[in-house]
Amino acid sequence: MVLYLSQHRAELAGYGIDVPTYTSTVDRVIGELLADEALAQRREQWLRTELEYDIGKSDLLRVHDPRYVERLYSSAVIDELIAAFELIDSEGRYHRYAPERAELPLADLFLDLLGACAGTYQSSRVALEHGFCYFLGGGFHHAKWNTPDGFCLINDIVIAARRLLSEELASRVWIIDLDAHKGDGTAPLCRSDDRILTLSIHMAHGWPLDREPRLPDGSLHESFVASDLDIPVAEGEERLYLEKLQLGLAKFSGYGAPDLALVLGGVDPYEHDELPSTAPLRLSLEQLEQRDRFVYGFLKERAIPQAWVKSGSYGREAWRPIVQFLRYALHDRLGSR
C-alpha cells in the first residue's frame, strides 16, 4: 500500500520558508508509479488517498511535555515553528524565511503537520492489516519532549507508536531510522520505554552531532542520548554502509520480533540531496536500492509488518530513490514481479 495525502504535504514554500522540499517530489513518485502499466491497472489495490484518522492533543500528550503541547495549541505555535525551522538568526534577522511571499499564515503549518502525523499513524494501521505501507510524508524524528528541532515540531513516529500501544494494537514496536541525520529526538523520547526499540544509522559527524555534548549544567544534550542501537557512518565509509546496516539489524533481531516496524525511509543520504547538512553521507542510487530492499526483505522474511515514512528528502531528485523502491515493493506485494 502507498498512502498519498495531497492535502497534507506541508509545502513549506507556501508558508514563505525556503527549504528544498517540494510537493513535486511526491507528485512525481505517484506519476512514475502510474506510468508502470501493471501498477496502473491495479492502482485500487495499492493506492490510498484519503485520511481516515485524526491526531489530537491527547495523542501529543503521550509523547510531549504538556506545557509544550499547550503552546502548540495557542498563538505561541508561531514561535515554536520559527524555532523548528530556524527562521530567525541569532541577530534577529529572517533566515530562509520571506513572510511577504507566504500564501498561508504560518500558524496553519501546525495543522498540516498534524495531518502528516495522522498519515504516519494510518500507515501503521494499514501495515498491521496488510503487512506493508509506505506513507509519502512524515518522519519528524528531531522533535524532542519539550522543544522543536531540525524542521520537526512534533515527533510523529513516537506519537504513532504510543497510540498503537495505548490501543493495544501492538505491544512492541521497532523504529528503524535510515535518515542521514541521527534520530536525536526519537532516542531520548523512547529511552525509558522498553516497548519501543530504536535503531538509527546516520552520519557519524555533522548536524546534529556537531553541537556541544554537554549543556551548561553538565547534563547530556539530548542529541547525544543513545538509541538502542546507533550505527554511525563516517565520511568516506559509504562502501561499508550496507554491511554496517546488515550487522546492526542482525543484532537488533536478537531482541525479539515486534508487532510492527516503523521505518524512516531516509532519502537524504542520496548523493544528489540538496540539503547542505547531508554532505558527509553520499550514497548512490544503487546503494539506496540495496539498502531499501535489504530492510524490506529482512522484515518480510520475519513476517514483521512494516510501515515506512518518507523522512528526509530534499531537492529535485529526491523522487528517484522512492520510486525505485516502491516499484520493487509493490510488484512484490502484488505478485507481479
Protein backbone atom coordinates (compact mmCIF):
# COMPACT_ATOMS: atom_id res chain seq x y z
CA MET A 1 0.00 0.00 0.00
CA VAL A 2 1.03 3.59 -0.65
CA LEU A 3 -0.57 6.43 1.30
CA TYR A 4 -0.59 9.70 -0.65
CA LEU A 5 -2.26 12.65 1.08
CA SER A 6 -2.18 15.60 -1.28
CA GLN A 7 -3.90 17.84 1.27
CA HIS A 8 -1.25 17.28 3.98
CA ARG A 9 2.08 17.73 2.23
CA ALA A 10 3.31 20.72 4.27
CA GLU A 11 4.54 22.63 1.21
CA LEU A 12 6.98 24.92 3.00
CA ALA A 13 7.29 27.44 0.18
CA GLY A 14 3.61 28.26 0.67
CA TYR A 15 4.49 29.49 4.15
CA GLY A 16 7.43 31.57 2.90
CA ILE A 17 10.00 29.03 4.12
CA ASP A 18 12.99 28.40 1.86
CA VAL A 19 13.90 24.75 2.50
CA PRO A 20 14.38 22.46 -0.55
CA THR A 21 11.31 20.28 -0.07
CA TYR A 22 8.82 20.10 -2.91
CA THR A 23 5.30 18.77 -3.37
CA SER A 24 6.54 17.85 -6.82
CA THR A 25 8.55 15.05 -5.17
CA VAL A 26 5.53 13.04 -4.08
CA ASP A 27 3.56 14.02 -7.17
CA ARG A 28 6.41 12.72 -9.32
CA VAL A 29 6.53 9.48 -7.32
CA ILE A 30 2.85 8.80 -7.98
CA GLY A 31 3.20 9.78 -11.63
CA GLU A 32 6.12 7.43 -12.16
CA LEU A 33 4.36 4.55 -10.43
CA LEU A 34 1.23 5.02 -12.51
CA ALA A 35 3.38 5.08 -15.65
CA ASP A 36 4.04 1.41 -14.89
CA GLU A 37 1.20 -0.29 -16.76
CA ALA A 38 0.94 -3.23 -14.39
CA LEU A 39 0.72 -0.93 -11.37
CA ALA A 40 -1.69 1.46 -13.07
CA GLN A 41 -4.10 -1.37 -13.81
CA ARG A 42 -4.17 -2.35 -10.14
CA ARG A 43 -3.99 1.08 -8.51
CA GLU A 44 -7.09 0.43 -6.40
CA GLN A 45 -5.17 -2.38 -4.71
CA TRP A 46 -2.20 -0.28 -3.59
CA LEU A 47 -3.01 3.44 -3.64
CA ARG A 48 -4.85 5.19 -0.81
CA THR A 49 -5.51 8.93 -0.84
CA GLU A 50 -7.98 9.55 1.99
CA LEU A 51 -7.02 10.39 5.55
CA GLU A 52 -9.08 8.19 7.85
CA TYR A 53 -7.80 9.24 11.28
CA ASP A 54 -7.20 12.38 13.30
CA ILE A 55 -4.32 13.18 15.62
CA GLY A 56 -5.30 15.36 18.56
CA LYS A 57 -3.96 16.82 21.77
CA SER A 58 -4.30 13.55 23.69
CA ASP A 59 -2.02 11.82 21.18
CA LEU A 60 0.65 14.51 21.53
CA LEU A 61 0.44 14.30 25.33
CA ARG A 62 1.59 10.67 25.24
CA VAL A 63 4.90 11.93 23.88
CA HIS A 64 5.45 15.64 24.57
CA ASP A 65 5.58 17.93 27.61
CA PRO A 66 2.04 19.15 28.48
CA ARG A 67 3.29 22.75 28.65
CA TYR A 68 4.81 22.43 25.19
CA VAL A 69 1.60 20.91 23.81
CA GLU A 70 -0.41 23.81 25.22
CA ARG A 71 1.88 26.24 23.39
CA LEU A 72 1.26 24.39 20.13
CA TYR A 73 -2.47 24.83 20.57
CA SER A 74 -2.12 28.58 21.18
CA SER A 75 -0.77 31.60 19.35
CA ALA A 76 2.67 30.61 20.68
CA VAL A 77 2.79 27.93 17.96
CA ILE A 78 4.23 30.62 15.67
CA ASP A 79 7.26 30.99 17.95
CA GLU A 80 7.71 27.22 18.04
CA LEU A 81 7.53 26.97 14.24
CA ILE A 82 10.09 29.76 13.92
CA ALA A 83 12.36 27.78 16.25
CA ALA A 84 11.72 24.47 14.47
CA PHE A 85 12.67 25.81 11.05
CA GLU A 86 15.29 28.28 12.36
CA LEU A 87 13.58 31.19 10.62
CA ILE A 88 15.29 33.91 12.66
CA ASP A 89 19.06 34.00 13.19
CA SER A 90 20.98 34.99 16.33
CA GLU A 91 20.89 38.65 15.28
CA GLY A 92 17.12 38.72 14.88
CA ARG A 93 17.10 38.64 11.07
CA TYR A 94 14.97 36.40 8.93
CA HIS A 95 16.79 33.25 7.87
CA ARG A 96 15.49 31.23 4.88
CA TYR A 97 12.16 32.94 5.53
CA ALA A 98 10.30 35.52 3.44
CA PRO A 99 6.89 36.12 5.07
CA GLU A 100 5.96 38.56 2.29
CA ARG A 101 5.96 35.62 -0.14
CA ALA A 102 3.82 33.42 2.08
CA GLU A 103 0.45 32.34 0.71
CA LEU A 104 -0.73 30.91 4.04
CA PRO A 105 -0.44 32.05 7.66
CA LEU A 106 2.48 30.36 9.39
CA ALA A 107 0.28 29.01 12.21
CA ASP A 108 -1.58 26.84 9.68
CA LEU A 109 1.57 24.79 9.17
CA PHE A 110 0.82 23.13 12.50
CA LEU A 111 -2.42 21.78 11.04
CA ASP A 112 -0.52 20.35 8.06
CA LEU A 113 1.94 18.70 10.42
CA LEU A 114 -0.89 17.19 12.46
CA GLY A 115 -2.30 15.79 9.23
CA ALA A 116 1.08 14.31 8.32
CA CYS A 117 1.28 12.79 11.80
CA ALA A 118 -2.13 11.22 11.22
CA GLY A 119 -0.76 9.81 7.97
CA THR A 120 2.07 8.11 9.86
CA TYR A 121 -0.45 6.59 12.26
CA GLN A 122 -2.70 5.49 9.39
CA SER A 123 0.20 3.86 7.55
CA SER A 124 0.92 1.88 10.72
CA ARG A 125 -2.68 0.65 10.84
CA VAL A 126 -2.56 -0.32 7.17
CA ALA A 127 0.74 -2.14 7.68
CA LEU A 128 -0.71 -4.11 10.58
CA GLU A 129 -3.56 -5.18 8.30
CA HIS A 130 -1.69 -5.78 5.04
CA GLY A 131 1.95 -6.21 6.05
CA PHE A 132 3.33 -3.14 4.25
CA CYS A 133 2.53 0.53 3.76
CA TYR A 134 4.63 3.47 2.57
CA PHE A 135 3.45 6.95 3.58
CA LEU A 136 4.67 9.76 1.32
CA GLY A 137 5.19 12.08 4.27
CA GLY A 138 6.21 12.13 7.93
CA GLY A 139 9.47 11.31 9.65
CA PHE A 140 9.81 14.19 12.16
CA HIS A 141 12.46 12.44 14.23
CA HIS A 142 14.24 15.50 15.66
CA ALA A 143 11.28 16.81 17.72
CA LYS A 144 12.00 16.40 21.42
CA TRP A 145 9.96 16.26 24.62
CA ASN A 146 9.53 19.98 25.08
CA THR A 147 11.25 21.60 22.10
CA PRO A 148 11.10 21.52 18.31
CA ASP A 149 14.29 20.92 16.36
CA GLY A 150 15.61 20.25 12.87
CA PHE A 151 12.42 21.14 10.93
CA CYS A 152 10.43 18.91 13.30
CA LEU A 153 7.67 20.29 15.54
CA ILE A 154 6.15 17.02 16.80
CA ASN A 155 7.56 13.50 16.70
CA ASP A 156 5.06 11.67 14.51
CA ILE A 157 6.93 8.36 14.74
CA VAL A 158 6.72 8.10 18.52
CA ILE A 159 3.21 9.57 18.54
CA ALA A 160 2.02 6.82 16.18
CA ALA A 161 3.83 4.10 18.13
CA ARG A 162 2.46 5.22 21.50
CA ARG A 163 -1.09 5.43 20.18
CA LEU A 164 -0.88 1.89 18.81
CA LEU A 165 0.48 0.70 22.16
CA SER A 166 -2.27 2.51 24.09
CA GLU A 167 -4.91 0.95 21.84
CA GLU A 168 -3.31 -2.49 22.38
CA LEU A 169 -2.89 -2.88 18.63
CA ALA A 170 0.78 -3.55 19.30
CA SER A 171 2.78 -4.49 22.37
CA ARG A 172 6.23 -3.90 20.90
CA VAL A 173 7.42 -1.61 18.12
CA TRP A 174 10.75 -1.20 16.34
CA ILE A 175 11.81 2.15 14.91
CA ILE A 176 14.39 1.77 12.12
CA ASP A 177 15.74 5.17 11.14
CA LEU A 178 17.57 5.36 7.79
CA ASP A 179 17.68 9.16 7.63
CA ALA A 180 21.10 10.77 7.09
CA HIS A 181 20.82 12.51 10.48
CA LYS A 182 20.69 10.75 13.85
CA GLY A 183 17.19 10.27 15.22
CA ASP A 184 18.08 12.51 18.13
CA GLY A 185 14.51 13.27 19.17
CA THR A 186 13.27 9.71 18.98
CA ALA A 187 16.10 8.26 21.09
CA PRO A 188 15.53 10.32 24.26
CA LEU A 189 11.75 10.06 23.95
CA CYS A 190 11.96 6.25 23.90
CA ARG A 191 14.91 5.61 26.22
CA SER A 192 12.71 4.68 29.18
CA ASP A 193 10.06 2.84 27.17
CA ASP A 194 11.04 -0.82 26.77
CA ARG A 195 8.09 -1.36 24.42
CA ILE A 196 9.86 0.66 21.69
CA LEU A 197 13.32 -0.21 20.37
CA THR A 198 15.20 2.35 18.28
CA LEU A 199 17.87 1.89 15.62
CA SER A 200 19.48 4.81 13.81
CA ILE A 201 22.07 4.56 11.02
CA HIS A 202 23.39 8.03 10.28
CA MET A 203 26.32 10.32 9.60
CA ALA A 204 28.98 9.94 12.28
CA HIS A 205 29.72 13.66 12.18
CA GLY A 206 27.87 16.83 11.29
CA TRP A 207 24.45 18.06 12.40
CA PRO A 208 23.05 17.35 14.98
CA LEU A 209 26.25 15.81 16.39
CA ASP A 210 28.26 18.99 15.86
CA ARG A 211 26.74 20.53 18.99
CA GLU A 212 28.36 20.65 22.42
CA PRO A 213 27.64 17.27 24.04
CA ARG A 214 27.14 18.84 27.47
CA LEU A 215 24.71 21.57 28.46
CA PRO A 216 25.81 24.43 30.77
CA ASP A 217 24.53 22.47 33.79
CA GLY A 218 26.70 19.49 32.85
CA SER A 219 23.85 17.25 31.69
CA LEU A 220 23.99 15.42 28.37
CA HIS A 221 22.48 17.21 25.38
CA GLU A 222 19.51 15.24 24.08
CA SER A 223 21.10 14.89 20.65
CA PHE A 224 23.72 12.63 22.24
CA VAL A 225 21.32 10.30 24.02
CA ALA A 226 21.94 6.87 22.51
CA SER A 227 19.39 4.92 20.53
CA ASP A 228 19.08 1.26 21.47
CA LEU A 229 21.43 0.77 18.54
CA ASP A 230 23.31 3.59 16.82
CA ILE A 231 25.25 2.89 13.63
CA PRO A 232 27.46 5.88 12.77
CA VAL A 233 28.87 6.05 9.25
CA ALA A 234 31.94 8.24 8.86
CA GLU A 235 32.57 10.39 5.80
CA GLY A 236 34.12 8.21 3.10
CA GLU A 237 32.70 4.98 4.55
CA GLU A 238 29.82 4.72 2.10
CA ARG A 239 31.20 1.41 0.80
CA LEU A 240 30.67 -0.04 4.30
CA TYR A 241 27.14 1.30 4.75
CA LEU A 242 25.20 -1.83 3.79
CA GLU A 243 27.48 -4.14 5.77
CA LYS A 244 27.08 -1.97 8.87
CA LEU A 245 23.30 -1.97 8.46
CA GLN A 246 23.17 -5.74 7.96
CA LEU A 247 25.21 -6.34 11.11
CA GLY A 248 23.11 -3.88 13.04
CA LEU A 249 19.77 -5.41 12.08
CA ALA A 250 21.11 -8.89 12.82
CA LYS A 251 21.93 -7.70 16.32
CA PHE A 252 18.61 -5.90 16.62
CA SER A 253 16.70 -9.06 15.74
CA GLY A 254 18.16 -10.68 18.83
CA TYR A 255 15.87 -8.52 20.95
CA GLY A 256 12.80 -10.43 19.73
CA ALA A 257 10.37 -9.66 16.93
CA PRO A 258 7.99 -6.69 17.30
CA ASP A 259 4.37 -6.39 16.20
CA LEU A 260 5.34 -3.53 13.86
CA ALA A 261 8.43 -1.88 12.43
CA LEU A 262 8.24 1.84 11.69
CA VAL A 263 10.88 2.64 9.07
CA LEU A 264 12.09 6.17 8.27
CA GLY A 265 12.95 5.77 4.59
CA GLY A 266 15.60 8.46 4.70
CA VAL A 267 16.04 9.75 1.15
CA ASP A 268 18.59 12.36 2.24
CA PRO A 269 21.68 10.11 2.19
CA TYR A 270 21.25 10.28 -1.61
CA GLU A 271 24.31 11.78 -3.30
CA HIS A 272 22.08 14.31 -5.11
CA ASP A 273 20.32 15.51 -1.97
CA GLU A 274 20.32 19.32 -1.81
CA LEU A 275 20.36 19.93 1.95
CA PRO A 276 23.91 21.09 2.86
CA SER A 277 23.94 19.26 6.20
CA THR A 278 23.71 15.86 4.47
CA ALA A 279 27.01 16.33 2.62
CA PRO A 280 29.05 13.92 4.83
CA LEU A 281 26.99 10.94 3.63
CA ARG A 282 26.64 10.35 -0.10
CA LEU A 283 25.01 7.09 -1.22
CA SER A 284 24.41 6.28 -4.86
CA LEU A 285 21.01 5.34 -6.23
CA GLU A 286 22.21 1.74 -6.41
CA GLN A 287 23.34 1.78 -2.78
CA LEU A 288 19.99 3.16 -1.67
CA GLU A 289 18.22 0.45 -3.65
CA GLN A 290 20.32 -2.20 -1.91
CA ARG A 291 19.60 -0.62 1.46
CA ASP A 292 15.84 -0.43 0.99
CA ARG A 293 15.50 -3.90 -0.50
CA PHE A 294 17.54 -5.34 2.34
CA VAL A 295 15.43 -3.75 5.09
CA TYR A 296 12.22 -4.66 3.28
CA GLY A 297 13.33 -8.26 2.83
CA PHE A 298 14.67 -8.55 6.36
CA LEU A 299 11.29 -7.58 7.81
CA LYS A 300 9.26 -9.59 5.30
CA GLU A 301 11.22 -12.77 5.98
CA ARG A 302 10.37 -12.42 9.66
CA ALA A 303 6.70 -11.61 8.98
CA ILE A 304 7.07 -8.23 10.70
CA PRO A 305 4.54 -5.67 9.40
CA GLN A 306 6.40 -2.63 8.10
CA ALA A 307 5.20 0.97 7.88
CA TRP A 308 7.58 3.28 6.01
CA VAL A 309 7.55 7.07 6.06
CA LYS A 310 9.36 9.25 3.55
CA SER A 311 11.53 11.12 6.04
CA GLY A 312 14.29 13.48 4.86
CA SER A 313 14.12 14.21 1.13
CA TYR A 314 15.49 17.46 -0.19
CA GLY A 315 15.83 18.62 -3.76
CA ARG A 316 14.56 17.97 -7.26
CA GLU A 317 15.96 14.44 -7.49
CA ALA A 318 14.53 13.14 -4.22
CA TRP A 319 11.80 11.17 -6.01
CA ARG A 320 14.22 8.71 -7.62
CA PRO A 321 15.13 6.55 -4.59
CA ILE A 322 11.48 6.36 -3.54
CA VAL A 323 10.24 5.29 -6.97
CA GLN A 324 12.83 2.57 -7.42
CA PHE A 325 11.99 1.09 -4.02
CA LEU A 326 8.22 1.32 -4.38
CA ARG A 327 8.25 -0.26 -7.83
CA TYR A 328 10.07 -3.21 -6.32
CA ALA A 329 7.96 -3.47 -3.17
CA LEU A 330 4.58 -3.02 -4.89
CA HIS A 331 5.30 -5.60 -7.56
CA ASP A 332 6.41 -7.94 -4.81
CA ARG A 333 3.24 -7.37 -2.76
CA LEU A 334 1.02 -7.74 -5.82
CA GLY A 335 2.83 -10.83 -7.06
CA SER A 336 3.61 -9.22 -10.41
CA ARG A 337 7.41 -9.16 -10.14
